[in-house]
């Protein structure tokens, strides 16, 4: 019986094409991470992915102050096909205080959402979103959780503008803290109606006029997470994890 070699301990997202024998130049931050943080050395193997070319086994050629060079040797996982509609959840959420928004971005990547869209509402406490920082958090999470793609990050926008330009065919499930929605668990367990997006409101919930606007749209359905009022970041994690477990890819094996 052939022994299966252990997977490399290091995994990086890169923004260049990947193919056998074509050198990949690392950014200084990535080189510092490999050499100074992880104490990697030339000759060690690293897994690389870029969101389009699958996952590759690469060998460290050199690490230096000016950067590093990795040489891809072989593909170890092909890029997945386009996800089935129910495996393609979006996550829309009102920005929170800095660390909590960072946490949401991280969990969006870990839990398999394909898009993260910050939404400004009447009661949103944060009025700016640092897209570069959120993307960096999603990259770190994707490297750790072994997904092959990054979630898309849409530019933050007001709720009214998002609803006005909503794409046809995708249902928007908004977490209704007033208790007016059907249980998300029951809805997810029998879902066969195509792609969805989950909308999480701000600390303090949606304003009454926002809730009225939401329920007036045919593509919107209010849902609930049970008898307790959850913190916004907790609701985000709970809703996305519940959806993936009951309607999404939660039953698939790791690294699928």
Protein backbone atom coordinates (compact mmCIF):
# COMPACT_ATOMS: atom_id res chain seq x y z
CA UNK A 1 0.00 0.00 0.00
CA UNK A 2 1.45 3.36 -1.03
CA UNK A 3 1.87 5.89 1.74
CA UNK A 4 0.05 9.16 1.11
CA UNK A 5 2.51 12.04 1.61
CA UNK A 6 1.44 14.60 4.18
CA UNK A 7 0.02 17.87 2.91
CA UNK A 8 2.38 20.83 3.18
CA UNK A 9 1.91 22.94 6.30
CA UNK A 10 1.91 26.17 4.27
CA UNK A 11 -0.72 27.48 1.87
CA UNK A 12 -0.78 30.81 0.04
CA UNK A 13 -3.10 32.76 -2.24
CA UNK A 14 -1.32 34.39 -5.16
CA UNK A 15 -2.61 36.71 -7.88
CA UNK A 16 -0.70 35.30 -10.86
CA UNK A 17 -1.39 32.38 -13.23
CA UNK A 18 -0.22 28.97 -12.04
CA UNK A 19 1.37 26.34 -14.25
CA UNK A 20 4.11 23.75 -13.91
CA UNK A 21 7.64 25.15 -13.89
CA UNK A 22 6.64 28.81 -14.18
CA UNK A 23 8.19 30.72 -11.29
CA UNK A 24 5.93 32.65 -8.92
CA UNK A 25 7.39 35.79 -7.38
CA UNK A 26 6.13 36.45 -3.85
CA UNK A 27 5.29 39.82 -2.38
CA UNK A 28 7.51 41.03 0.46
CA UNK A 29 4.78 40.40 3.03
CA UNK A 30 4.38 36.80 1.89
CA UNK A 31 8.15 36.29 1.91
CA UNK A 32 8.35 37.67 5.45
CA UNK A 33 5.53 35.35 6.52
CA UNK A 34 7.26 32.27 5.11
CA UNK A 35 10.77 33.04 6.29
CA UNK A 36 10.35 34.96 9.55
CA UNK A 37 6.98 33.77 10.87
CA UNK A 38 6.80 30.17 9.66
CA UNK A 39 10.60 29.61 9.46
CA UNK A 40 10.32 28.00 6.04
CA UNK A 41 13.45 27.26 4.04
CA UNK A 42 14.32 26.67 0.38
CA UNK A 43 13.27 23.20 -0.70
CA UNK A 44 10.14 23.09 1.44
CA UNK A 45 6.81 22.63 -0.35
CA UNK A 46 3.92 25.08 -0.28
CA UNK A 47 0.38 24.87 -1.64
CA UNK A 48 -0.64 27.71 -3.97
CA UNK A 49 -4.04 28.77 -5.31
CA UNK A 50 -5.29 31.80 -7.22
CA UNK A 51 -9.03 31.21 -7.51
CA UNK A 52 -8.95 30.04 -11.14
CA UNK A 53 -6.17 27.50 -11.78
CA UNK A 54 -6.76 24.98 -9.01
CA UNK A 55 -4.36 24.15 -6.20
CA UNK A 56 -0.68 23.54 -6.91
CA UNK A 57 2.21 21.97 -5.06
CA UNK A 58 5.14 24.38 -5.27
CA UNK A 59 8.67 24.26 -3.95
CA UNK A 60 10.43 27.21 -2.38
CA UNK A 61 13.32 28.18 -4.64
CA UNK A 62 14.60 31.09 -2.60
CA UNK A 63 13.62 33.55 0.11
CA UNK A 64 15.35 36.88 0.56
CA UNK A 65 14.87 40.42 1.74
CA UNK A 66 13.69 41.57 -1.66
CA UNK A 67 11.16 38.74 -2.06
CA UNK A 68 10.85 35.06 -2.72
CA UNK A 69 10.48 32.62 -5.62
CA UNK A 70 8.31 29.49 -5.67
CA UNK A 71 8.24 26.92 -8.48
CA UNK A 72 4.89 25.15 -9.05
CA UNK A 73 5.49 21.45 -9.71
CA UNK A 74 2.11 19.75 -10.08
CA UNK A 75 -1.60 20.43 -9.69
CA UNK A 76 -3.05 18.62 -6.68
CA UNK A 77 -6.67 19.83 -6.97
CA UNK A 78 -8.43 21.05 -10.11
CA UNK A 79 -10.57 24.15 -9.94
CA UNK A 80 -14.16 23.32 -9.08
CA UNK A 81 -16.91 23.96 -11.59
CA UNK A 82 -19.41 26.75 -11.04
CA UNK A 83 -21.34 25.99 -7.83
CA UNK A 84 -24.89 24.75 -7.89
CA UNK A 85 -27.29 27.60 -7.08
CA UNK A 86 -27.95 26.41 -3.53
CA UNK A 87 -24.18 26.19 -2.94
CA UNK A 88 -23.77 29.83 -3.93
CA UNK A 89 -24.90 31.89 -0.92
CA UNK A 90 -24.21 35.62 -0.68
CA UNK A 91 -23.83 37.43 2.62
CA UNK A 92 -24.95 41.04 3.03
CA UNK A 93 -24.35 42.71 6.38
CA UNK A 94 -24.30 46.16 7.92
CA UNK A 95 -20.75 47.21 8.86
CA UNK A 96 -20.03 46.97 12.58
CA UNK A 97 -17.20 48.26 14.69
CA UNK A 98 -13.84 47.55 13.05
CA UNK A 99 -12.87 44.26 14.69
CA UNK A 100 -16.38 42.85 14.36
CA UNK A 101 -16.59 43.64 10.65
CA UNK A 102 -13.20 41.96 10.22
CA UNK A 103 -14.61 38.91 12.01
CA UNK A 104 -17.62 38.82 9.69
CA UNK A 105 -15.37 38.98 6.61
CA UNK A 106 -13.27 36.13 7.96
CA UNK A 107 -16.29 33.91 8.65
CA UNK A 108 -17.82 34.70 5.25
CA UNK A 109 -14.74 33.09 3.69
CA UNK A 110 -14.58 30.16 6.12
CA UNK A 111 -18.26 29.31 5.75
CA UNK A 112 -18.26 29.27 1.97
CA UNK A 113 -20.16 32.40 0.93
CA UNK A 114 -19.34 33.45 -2.62
CA UNK A 115 -19.90 37.17 -2.12
CA UNK A 116 -19.72 39.64 0.78
CA UNK A 117 -21.59 42.92 0.42
CA UNK A 118 -21.44 45.55 3.22
CA UNK A 119 -24.77 47.40 3.48
CA UNK A 120 -25.34 50.85 4.96
CA UNK A 121 -28.62 51.15 6.87
CA UNK A 122 -30.23 53.87 9.01
CA UNK A 123 -28.72 52.49 12.20
CA UNK A 124 -25.32 51.41 10.88
CA UNK A 125 -22.68 52.60 13.36
CA UNK A 126 -19.72 52.43 10.96
CA UNK A 127 -19.78 54.83 8.03
CA UNK A 128 -16.65 53.63 6.25
CA UNK A 129 -15.46 50.24 5.08
CA UNK A 130 -11.80 49.43 4.45
CA UNK A 131 -12.10 47.06 1.52
CA UNK A 132 -8.38 46.27 1.39
CA UNK A 133 -8.37 45.16 5.02
CA UNK A 134 -11.52 43.06 4.61
CA UNK A 135 -10.08 41.37 1.52
CA UNK A 136 -6.86 40.61 3.41
CA UNK A 137 -8.89 38.94 6.17
CA UNK A 138 -10.79 36.87 3.62
CA UNK A 139 -7.54 35.79 1.96
CA UNK A 140 -6.11 34.64 5.30
CA UNK A 141 -9.30 32.71 6.04
CA UNK A 142 -9.37 31.11 2.58
CA UNK A 143 -5.75 30.01 2.97
CA UNK A 144 -6.56 28.39 6.30
CA UNK A 145 -9.85 26.70 5.39
CA UNK A 146 -8.57 25.29 2.09
CA UNK A 147 -11.22 26.74 -0.20
CA UNK A 148 -10.08 27.26 -3.79
CA UNK A 149 -11.75 30.61 -4.36
CA UNK A 150 -12.08 33.95 -2.59
CA UNK A 151 -15.46 35.50 -1.91
CA UNK A 152 -16.13 38.50 -4.09
CA UNK A 153 -16.21 41.75 -2.14
CA UNK A 154 -18.76 44.27 -3.38
CA UNK A 155 -18.38 47.95 -2.63
CA UNK A 156 -20.42 49.03 0.38
CA UNK A 157 -23.72 50.65 -0.62
CA UNK A 158 -26.97 51.91 0.94
CA UNK A 159 -29.75 49.37 1.37
CA UNK A 160 -32.11 51.28 -0.93
CA UNK A 161 -29.60 51.26 -3.81
CA UNK A 162 -28.91 47.55 -3.39
CA UNK A 163 -32.59 46.68 -3.48
CA UNK A 164 -33.18 48.88 -6.53
CA UNK A 165 -30.54 47.00 -8.52
CA UNK A 166 -31.13 43.51 -7.14
CA UNK A 167 -30.32 40.71 -9.63
CA UNK A 168 -33.23 38.72 -10.98
CA UNK A 169 -33.59 35.16 -9.74
CA UNK A 170 -31.82 35.43 -6.36
CA UNK A 171 -33.96 35.41 -3.20
CA UNK A 172 -32.98 37.79 -0.40
CA UNK A 173 -33.56 36.35 3.07
CA UNK A 174 -33.37 39.07 5.69
CA UNK A 175 -33.00 38.32 9.39
CA UNK A 176 -36.10 39.92 10.91
CA UNK A 177 -35.47 40.59 14.59
CA UNK A 178 -39.16 41.43 15.14
CA UNK A 179 -40.06 37.74 14.83
CA UNK A 180 -42.17 38.21 11.71
CA UNK A 181 -40.26 35.74 9.56
CA UNK A 182 -40.39 31.98 9.14
CA UNK A 183 -37.65 29.93 10.83
CA UNK A 184 -34.55 29.85 8.67
CA UNK A 185 -33.89 26.23 9.62
CA UNK A 186 -37.21 25.03 8.26
CA UNK A 187 -36.87 27.07 5.09
CA UNK A 188 -33.32 25.87 4.42
CA UNK A 189 -34.13 22.20 4.99
CA UNK A 190 -36.54 22.12 2.06
CA UNK A 191 -35.03 24.78 -0.18
CA UNK A 192 -35.24 24.12 -3.94
CA UNK A 193 -35.83 27.63 -5.25
CA UNK A 194 -32.43 28.70 -6.53
CA UNK A 195 -29.67 30.98 -5.19
CA UNK A 196 -30.08 33.06 -2.05
CA UNK A 197 -28.51 35.95 -0.19
CA UNK A 198 -28.66 36.43 3.57
CA UNK A 199 -29.07 39.98 4.88
CA UNK A 200 -28.03 40.82 8.44
CA UNK A 201 -28.97 44.18 9.91
CA UNK A 202 -26.97 46.51 12.16
CA UNK A 203 -26.72 46.73 15.91
CA UNK A 204 -30.17 47.96 16.88
CA UNK A 205 -31.86 46.26 13.94
CA UNK A 206 -33.53 47.64 10.85
CA UNK A 207 -35.48 50.88 11.06
CA UNK A 208 -39.26 50.43 10.60
CA UNK A 209 -39.21 52.08 7.18
CA UNK A 210 -36.41 49.75 6.08
CA UNK A 211 -38.31 46.70 7.17
CA UNK A 212 -41.39 47.98 5.30
CA UNK A 213 -39.27 48.51 2.19
CA UNK A 214 -37.83 45.00 2.44
CA UNK A 215 -41.13 43.17 2.84
CA UNK A 216 -42.60 45.14 -0.07
CA UNK A 217 -40.19 43.49 -2.52
CA UNK A 218 -41.27 40.22 -4.10
CA UNK A 219 -37.76 38.76 -4.00
CA UNK A 220 -37.42 39.30 -0.22
CA UNK A 221 -38.46 36.84 2.50
CA UNK A 222 -38.13 37.57 6.22
CA UNK A 223 -36.61 34.77 8.31
CA UNK A 224 -35.69 34.20 11.94
CA UNK A 225 -33.09 32.40 14.02
CA UNK A 226 -35.18 31.52 17.04
CA UNK A 227 -36.34 33.17 20.26
CA UNK A 228 -33.17 35.08 21.15
CA UNK A 229 -31.97 38.42 19.81
CA UNK A 230 -28.41 37.80 18.67
CA UNK A 231 -25.55 40.20 18.24
CA UNK A 232 -25.12 41.12 14.60
CA UNK A 233 -21.88 39.20 14.15
CA UNK A 234 -23.35 36.16 15.93
CA UNK A 235 -26.41 36.27 13.67
CA UNK A 236 -24.16 36.39 10.62
CA UNK A 237 -22.21 33.30 11.64
CA UNK A 238 -25.30 31.39 12.80
CA UNK A 239 -27.33 32.14 9.68
CA UNK A 240 -24.60 31.25 7.21
CA UNK A 241 -23.58 28.10 9.10
CA UNK A 242 -27.22 26.99 9.33
CA UNK A 243 -27.81 27.56 5.64
CA UNK A 244 -24.69 25.66 4.63
CA UNK A 245 -25.52 22.76 6.94
CA UNK A 246 -29.11 22.32 5.76
CA UNK A 247 -29.18 23.60 2.18
CA UNK A 248 -25.59 24.16 1.09
CA UNK A 249 -22.32 22.29 0.97
CA UNK A 250 -22.11 21.31 4.64
CA UNK A 251 -22.50 17.62 3.80
CA UNK A 252 -19.54 17.62 1.42
CA UNK A 253 -16.15 16.26 2.56
CA UNK A 254 -13.27 18.62 3.35
CA UNK A 255 -11.30 19.98 0.40
CA UNK A 256 -14.16 19.21 -1.97
